[in-house]
Amino acid sequence: KRKGVPATFFYIGKNDAVRGGSKSLPRRAIAEGHSIAVHSYTHNYSYLYPGGRADAERVASDYDKTVRAVRKAVGSTFSTNSFRYPGGHMSWRGMRPADQALEKKGVSWIDWNAMNGDGEANAPATSTAAAEYVNATLDSRENPNVAVILLHDYKNNQLTIGALPMIIDNLQEKGYEFGVID
């Protein structure tokens, strides 16, 4: 907010943050110019990917349930065309049927091409290191035209809160502009 940069928040439908009524985070995100997309309802790997393979019906159902949950928080006109698979698309086998189930709904999946490491078992120890991690993962992609950075907004995530201004400044210095994913 301080930097005037919009973001896309990928919500998990079952989380309290979605169902917070007038003080809901999705409502606040939209009011502040951000966008909301779907990250599943359950975020349950064994449910969505039994045996390591995507279950198309469960993925599509989780998408629908999350859209309904977000609509309760922000209003009946909410829609999104974006879905981020829990764990990332690249982590699972047999993704095509799930992709096709989403495509039938007019939804595309998206993955990240950079991250700050806040969701990793060996997360960076400092915010500066987390910001440098973004640069390292993005630079390893041969300077893409679009950067989609995986950051987690869980409560009191001081690593990301501290790194975010540095990440924004670094990306702006490289000539990136900021926008949202619909």
C-alpha atoms as a PDB file:
ATOM      1  CA  LYS A   1       0.000   0.000   0.000  1.00  0.00           C
ATOM      2  CA  ARG A   2       2.811   2.423   0.911  1.00  0.00           C
ATOM      3  CA  LYS A   3       4.471   1.854  -2.455  1.00  0.00           C
ATOM      4  CA  GLY A   4       1.224   2.189  -4.450  1.00  0.00           C
ATOM      5  CA  VAL A   5       1.694  -1.225  -6.033  1.00  0.00           C
ATOM      6  CA  PRO A   6      -1.262  -3.493  -6.820  1.00  0.00           C
ATOM      7  CA  ALA A   7      -1.104  -7.227  -6.182  1.00  0.00           C
ATOM      8  CA  THR A   8      -3.143 -10.333  -6.852  1.00  0.00           C
ATOM      9  CA  PHE A   9      -4.135 -12.358  -3.808  1.00  0.00           C
ATOM     10  CA  PHE A  10      -4.821 -16.022  -4.447  1.00  0.00           C
ATOM     11  CA  TYR A  11      -7.309 -17.063  -1.785  1.00  0.00           C
ATOM     12  CA  ILE A  12      -7.958 -20.368  -0.096  1.00  0.00           C
ATOM     13  CA  GLY A  13     -11.736 -20.517   0.294  1.00  0.00           C
ATOM     14  CA  LYS A  14     -11.903 -22.285   3.655  1.00  0.00           C
ATOM     15  CA  ASN A  15      -9.686 -19.733   5.415  1.00  0.00           C
ATOM     16  CA  ASP A  16     -11.171 -17.272   7.862  1.00  0.00           C
ATOM     17  CA  ALA A  17      -9.597 -14.393   5.922  1.00  0.00           C
ATOM     18  CA  VAL A  18     -12.124 -14.981   3.144  1.00  0.00           C
ATOM     19  CA  ARG A  19     -15.136 -15.191   5.449  1.00  0.00           C
ATOM     20  CA  GLY A  20     -14.452 -12.112   7.580  1.00  0.00           C
ATOM     21  CA  GLY A  21     -17.645 -10.226   6.647  1.00  0.00           C
ATOM     22  CA  SER A  22     -17.305  -6.467   6.241  1.00  0.00           C
ATOM     23  CA  LYS A  23     -13.748  -6.661   7.603  1.00  0.00           C
ATOM     24  CA  SER A  24     -12.755  -9.430   5.209  1.00  0.00           C
ATOM     25  CA  LEU A  25      -9.359  -9.272   3.590  1.00  0.00           C
ATOM     26  CA  PRO A  26     -10.815  -9.844   0.101  1.00  0.00           C
ATOM     27  CA  ARG A  27     -13.094  -6.833   0.525  1.00  0.00           C
ATOM     28  CA  ARG A  28     -10.133  -4.728   1.672  1.00  0.00           C
ATOM     29  CA  ALA A  29      -7.942  -6.000  -1.170  1.00  0.00           C
ATOM     30  CA  ILE A  30     -10.484  -5.005  -3.807  1.00  0.00           C
ATOM     31  CA  ALA A  31     -11.118  -1.616  -2.162  1.00  0.00           C
ATOM     32  CA  GLU A  32      -7.372  -0.911  -2.289  1.00  0.00           C
ATOM     33  CA  GLY A  33      -7.112  -1.755  -6.011  1.00  0.00           C
ATOM     34  CA  HIS A  34      -5.816  -5.303  -5.806  1.00  0.00           C
ATOM     35  CA  SER A  35      -7.353  -8.361  -7.419  1.00  0.00           C
ATOM     36  CA  ILE A  36      -8.404 -11.729  -6.107  1.00  0.00           C
ATOM     37  CA  ALA A  37      -7.933 -15.103  -7.720  1.00  0.00           C
ATOM     38  CA  VAL A  38      -8.420 -18.683  -6.556  1.00  0.00           C
ATOM     39  CA  HIS A  39      -5.864 -20.912  -4.834  1.00  0.00           C
ATOM     40  CA  SER A  40      -8.355 -23.728  -4.062  1.00  0.00           C
ATOM     41  CA  TYR A  41     -10.825 -24.230  -1.271  1.00  0.00           C
ATOM     42  CA  THR A  42      -9.032 -26.907   0.715  1.00  0.00           C
ATOM     43  CA  HIS A  43      -5.326 -26.547  -0.168  1.00  0.00           C
ATOM     44  CA  ASN A  44      -5.242 -30.252   0.676  1.00  0.00           C
ATOM     45  CA  TYR A  45      -2.660 -32.030  -1.461  1.00  0.00           C
ATOM     46  CA  SER A  46      -3.899 -35.554  -0.744  1.00  0.00           C
ATOM     47  CA  TYR A  47      -7.462 -34.545  -1.664  1.00  0.00           C
ATOM     48  CA  LEU A  48      -6.584 -32.585  -4.815  1.00  0.00           C
ATOM     49  CA  TYR A  49      -3.746 -34.854  -5.954  1.00  0.00           C
ATOM     50  CA  PRO A  50      -4.374 -38.403  -4.708  1.00  0.00           C
ATOM     51  CA  GLY A  51      -1.294 -40.459  -5.443  1.00  0.00           C
ATOM     52  CA  GLY A  52       0.433 -37.348  -6.786  1.00  0.00           C
ATOM     53  CA  ARG A  53      -2.011 -37.006  -9.722  1.00  0.00           C
ATOM     54  CA  ALA A  54      -4.488 -34.174 -10.135  1.00  0.00           C
ATOM     55  CA  ASP A  55      -8.142 -35.100  -9.636  1.00  0.00           C
ATOM     56  CA  ALA A  56      -9.964 -32.945 -12.181  1.00  0.00           C
ATOM     57  CA  GLU A  57     -13.342 -33.135 -10.461  1.00  0.00           C
ATOM     58  CA  ARG A  58     -11.925 -32.144  -7.087  1.00  0.00           C
ATOM     59  CA  VAL A  59      -9.868 -29.293  -8.540  1.00  0.00           C
ATOM     60  CA  ALA A  60     -12.920 -27.903 -10.355  1.00  0.00           C
ATOM     61  CA  SER A  61     -15.086 -28.301  -7.255  1.00  0.00           C
ATOM     62  CA  ASP A  62     -12.515 -26.518  -5.098  1.00  0.00           C
ATOM     63  CA  TYR A  63     -12.433 -23.663  -7.616  1.00  0.00           C
ATOM     64  CA  ASP A  64     -16.238 -23.320  -7.533  1.00  0.00           C
ATOM     65  CA  LYS A  65     -16.400 -23.460  -3.722  1.00  0.00           C
ATOM     66  CA  THR A  66     -13.758 -20.751  -3.418  1.00  0.00           C
ATOM     67  CA  VAL A  67     -15.541 -18.461  -5.859  1.00  0.00           C
ATOM     68  CA  ARG A  68     -18.739 -18.880  -3.804  1.00  0.00           C
ATOM     69  CA  ALA A  69     -16.837 -18.121  -0.569  1.00  0.00           C
ATOM     70  CA  VAL A  70     -15.247 -14.985  -2.010  1.00  0.00           C
ATOM     71  CA  ARG A  71     -18.621 -13.834  -3.386  1.00  0.00           C
ATOM     72  CA  LYS A  72     -20.033 -14.036   0.147  1.00  0.00           C
ATOM     73  CA  ALA A  73     -17.235 -11.747   1.282  1.00  0.00           C
ATOM     74  CA  VAL A  74     -17.149  -9.218  -1.569  1.00  0.00           C
ATOM     75  CA  GLY A  75     -20.440  -9.513  -3.436  1.00  0.00           C
ATOM     76  CA  SER A  76     -22.212 -11.622  -6.008  1.00  0.00           C
ATOM     77  CA  THR A  77     -20.530  -9.980  -9.003  1.00  0.00           C
ATOM     78  CA  PHE A  78     -17.062 -11.296  -8.128  1.00  0.00           C
ATOM     79  CA  SER A  79     -15.433 -13.386 -10.826  1.00  0.00           C
ATOM     80  CA  THR A  80     -11.933 -14.453 -11.703  1.00  0.00           C
ATOM     81  CA  ASN A  81     -10.374 -16.291 -14.580  1.00  0.00           C
ATOM     82  CA  SER A  82      -7.258 -17.355 -12.661  1.00  0.00           C
ATOM     83  CA  PHE A  83      -6.364 -20.356 -10.526  1.00  0.00           C
ATOM     84  CA  ARG A  84      -3.087 -21.246  -8.839  1.00  0.00           C
ATOM     85  CA  TYR A  85      -2.656 -24.916  -8.056  1.00  0.00           C
ATOM     86  CA  PRO A  86      -1.573 -25.579  -4.461  1.00  0.00           C
ATOM     87  CA  GLY A  87       2.039 -26.653  -4.661  1.00  0.00           C
ATOM     88  CA  GLY A  88       2.266 -25.362  -8.223  1.00  0.00           C
ATOM     89  CA  HIS A  89       1.319 -26.946 -11.527  1.00  0.00           C
ATOM     90  CA  MET A  90       4.832 -28.273 -11.996  1.00  0.00           C
ATOM     91  CA  SER A  91       4.673 -30.363  -8.817  1.00  0.00           C
ATOM     92  CA  TRP A  92       2.051 -32.901  -9.887  1.00  0.00           C
ATOM     93  CA  ARG A  93       1.361 -35.505 -12.568  1.00  0.00           C
ATOM     94  CA  GLY A  94      -1.690 -35.900 -14.780  1.00  0.00           C
ATOM     95  CA  MET A  95      -2.550 -32.216 -14.859  1.00  0.00           C
ATOM     96  CA  ARG A  96      -4.180 -32.047 -18.303  1.00  0.00           C
ATOM     97  CA  PRO A  97      -7.669 -33.264 -17.238  1.00  0.00           C
ATOM     98  CA  ALA A  98      -7.715 -30.740 -14.364  1.00  0.00           C
ATOM     99  CA  ASP A  99      -6.516 -27.993 -16.723  1.00  0.00           C
ATOM    100  CA  GLN A 100      -9.312 -28.914 -19.143  1.00  0.00           C
ATOM    101  CA  ALA A 101     -11.911 -28.851 -16.349  1.00  0.00           C
ATOM    102  CA  LEU A 102     -10.803 -25.323 -15.490  1.00  0.00           C
ATOM    103  CA  GLU A 103     -10.721 -24.314 -19.163  1.00  0.00           C
ATOM    104  CA  LYS A 104     -14.390 -25.337 -19.475  1.00  0.00           C
ATOM    105  CA  LYS A 105     -15.111 -22.698 -16.829  1.00  0.00           C
ATOM    106  CA  GLY A 106     -13.057 -20.084 -18.708  1.00  0.00           C
ATOM    107  CA  VAL A 107     -10.279 -20.335 -16.120  1.00  0.00           C
ATOM    108  CA  SER A 108      -6.531 -20.462 -16.722  1.00  0.00           C
ATOM    109  CA  TRP A 109      -3.938 -21.681 -14.265  1.00  0.00           C
ATOM    110  CA  ILE A 110      -0.881 -19.660 -13.402  1.00  0.00           C
ATOM    111  CA  ASP A 111       2.381 -20.489 -11.687  1.00  0.00           C
ATOM    112  CA  TRP A 112       5.142 -18.268 -10.384  1.00  0.00           C
ATOM    113  CA  ASN A 113       8.543 -17.645 -11.927  1.00  0.00           C
ATOM    114  CA  ALA A 114      10.155 -16.089  -8.850  1.00  0.00           C
ATOM    115  CA  MET A 115       9.721 -16.367  -5.086  1.00  0.00           C
ATOM    116  CA  ASN A 116      11.112 -14.999  -1.850  1.00  0.00           C
ATOM    117  CA  GLY A 117      11.320 -18.408  -0.185  1.00  0.00           C
ATOM    118  CA  ASP A 118       8.874 -17.690   2.648  1.00  0.00           C
ATOM    119  CA  GLY A 119       7.092 -20.980   2.019  1.00  0.00           C
ATOM    120  CA  GLU A 120      10.246 -23.084   1.891  1.00  0.00           C
ATOM    121  CA  ALA A 121      11.496 -25.312   4.686  1.00  0.00           C
ATOM    122  CA  ASN A 122      14.811 -23.443   4.573  1.00  0.00           C
ATOM    123  CA  ALA A 123      13.384 -19.932   4.234  1.00  0.00           C
ATOM    124  CA  PRO A 124      15.853 -17.064   4.067  1.00  0.00           C
ATOM    125  CA  ALA A 125      16.863 -15.811   7.514  1.00  0.00           C
ATOM    126  CA  THR A 126      16.344 -12.102   6.826  1.00  0.00           C
ATOM    127  CA  SER A 127      14.122  -9.870   4.739  1.00  0.00           C
ATOM    128  CA  THR A 128      17.157  -8.710   2.775  1.00  0.00           C
ATOM    129  CA  ALA A 129      18.001 -12.328   1.958  1.00  0.00           C
ATOM    130  CA  ALA A 130      14.367 -12.919   0.932  1.00  0.00           C
ATOM    131  CA  ALA A 131      14.504  -9.946  -1.454  1.00  0.00           C
ATOM    132  CA  GLU A 132      17.775 -11.251  -2.899  1.00  0.00           C
ATOM    133  CA  TYR A 133      16.132 -14.679  -3.309  1.00  0.00           C
ATOM    134  CA  VAL A 134      13.511 -13.057  -5.574  1.00  0.00           C
ATOM    135  CA  ASN A 135      16.246 -11.551  -7.715  1.00  0.00           C
ATOM    136  CA  ALA A 136      18.113 -14.854  -7.914  1.00  0.00           C
ATOM    137  CA  THR A 137      15.048 -16.891  -8.894  1.00  0.00           C
ATOM    138  CA  LEU A 138      13.871 -14.281 -11.393  1.00  0.00           C
ATOM    139  CA  ASP A 139      17.323 -13.836 -12.935  1.00  0.00           C
ATOM    140  CA  SER A 140      17.582 -17.599 -13.393  1.00  0.00           C
ATOM    141  CA  ARG A 141      14.634 -17.314 -15.796  1.00  0.00           C
ATOM    142  CA  GLU A 142      16.632 -15.237 -18.327  1.00  0.00           C
ATOM    143  CA  ASN A 143      14.944 -11.911 -17.563  1.00  0.00           C
ATOM    144  CA  PRO A 144      11.307 -12.680 -18.339  1.00  0.00           C
ATOM    145  CA  ASN A 145       8.981  -9.949 -19.537  1.00  0.00           C
ATOM    146  CA  VAL A 146       6.503 -10.849 -16.801  1.00  0.00           C
ATOM    147  CA  ALA A 147       7.394 -11.618 -13.210  1.00  0.00           C
ATOM    148  CA  VAL A 148       4.930 -13.559 -11.085  1.00  0.00           C
ATOM    149  CA  ILE A 149       6.362 -13.667  -7.588  1.00  0.00           C
ATOM    150  CA  LEU A 150       5.204 -16.164  -5.001  1.00  0.00           C
ATOM    151  CA  LEU A 151       4.833 -14.484  -1.607  1.00  0.00           C
ATOM    152  CA  HIS A 152       2.665 -15.651   1.273  1.00  0.00           C
ATOM    153  CA  ASP A 153       0.415 -13.284   3.194  1.00  0.00           C
ATOM    154  CA  TYR A 154      -0.118 -15.365   6.298  1.00  0.00           C
ATOM    155  CA  LYS A 155      -0.466 -13.490   9.570  1.00  0.00           C
ATOM    156  CA  ASN A 156       2.693 -11.813  10.860  1.00  0.00           C
ATOM    157  CA  ASN A 157       4.889 -12.974   7.986  1.00  0.00           C
ATOM    158  CA  GLN A 158       7.648 -10.549   8.923  1.00  0.00           C
ATOM    159  CA  LEU A 159      10.035 -12.019   6.360  1.00  0.00           C
ATOM    160  CA  THR A 160       7.798 -10.955   3.481  1.00  0.00           C
ATOM    161  CA  ILE A 161       6.612  -7.744   5.109  1.00  0.00           C
ATOM    162  CA  GLY A 162      10.221  -6.626   5.466  1.00  0.00           C
ATOM    163  CA  ALA A 163      11.307  -7.840   2.031  1.00  0.00           C
ATOM    164  CA  LEU A 164       8.431  -6.390   0.029  1.00  0.00           C
ATOM    165  CA  PRO A 165       9.667  -2.772  -0.216  1.00  0.00           C
ATOM    166  CA  MET A 166      13.088  -4.023  -1.360  1.00  0.00           C
ATOM    167  CA  ILE A 167      11.481  -6.398  -3.876  1.00  0.00           C
ATOM    168  CA  ILE A 168       9.366  -3.593  -5.314  1.00  0.00           C
ATOM    169  CA  ASP A 169      12.327  -1.196  -5.537  1.00  0.00           C
ATOM    170  CA  ASN A 170      14.509  -3.854  -7.203  1.00  0.00           C
ATOM    171  CA  LEU A 171      11.854  -4.676  -9.790  1.00  0.00           C
ATOM    172  CA  GLN A 172      11.180  -1.021 -10.558  1.00  0.00           C
ATOM    173  CA  GLU A 173      14.930  -0.461 -11.034  1.00  0.00           C
ATOM    174  CA  LYS A 174      14.874  -3.298 -13.593  1.00  0.00           C
ATOM    175  CA  GLY A 175      12.028  -1.554 -15.448  1.00  0.00           C
ATOM    176  CA  TYR A 176       9.131  -3.731 -14.354  1.00  0.00           C
ATOM    177  CA  GLU A 177       5.670  -2.222 -14.024  1.00  0.00           C
ATOM    178  CA  PHE A 178       3.082  -3.612 -11.627  1.00  0.00           C
ATOM    179  CA  GLY A 179      -0.388  -4.885 -12.400  1.00  0.00           C
ATOM    180  CA  VAL A 180      -2.899  -7.500 -11.363  1.00  0.00           C
ATOM    181  CA  ILE A 181      -3.982 -10.856 -12.709  1.00  0.00           C
ATOM    182  CA  ASP A 182      -7.702 -11.176 -13.442  1.00  0.00           C
END
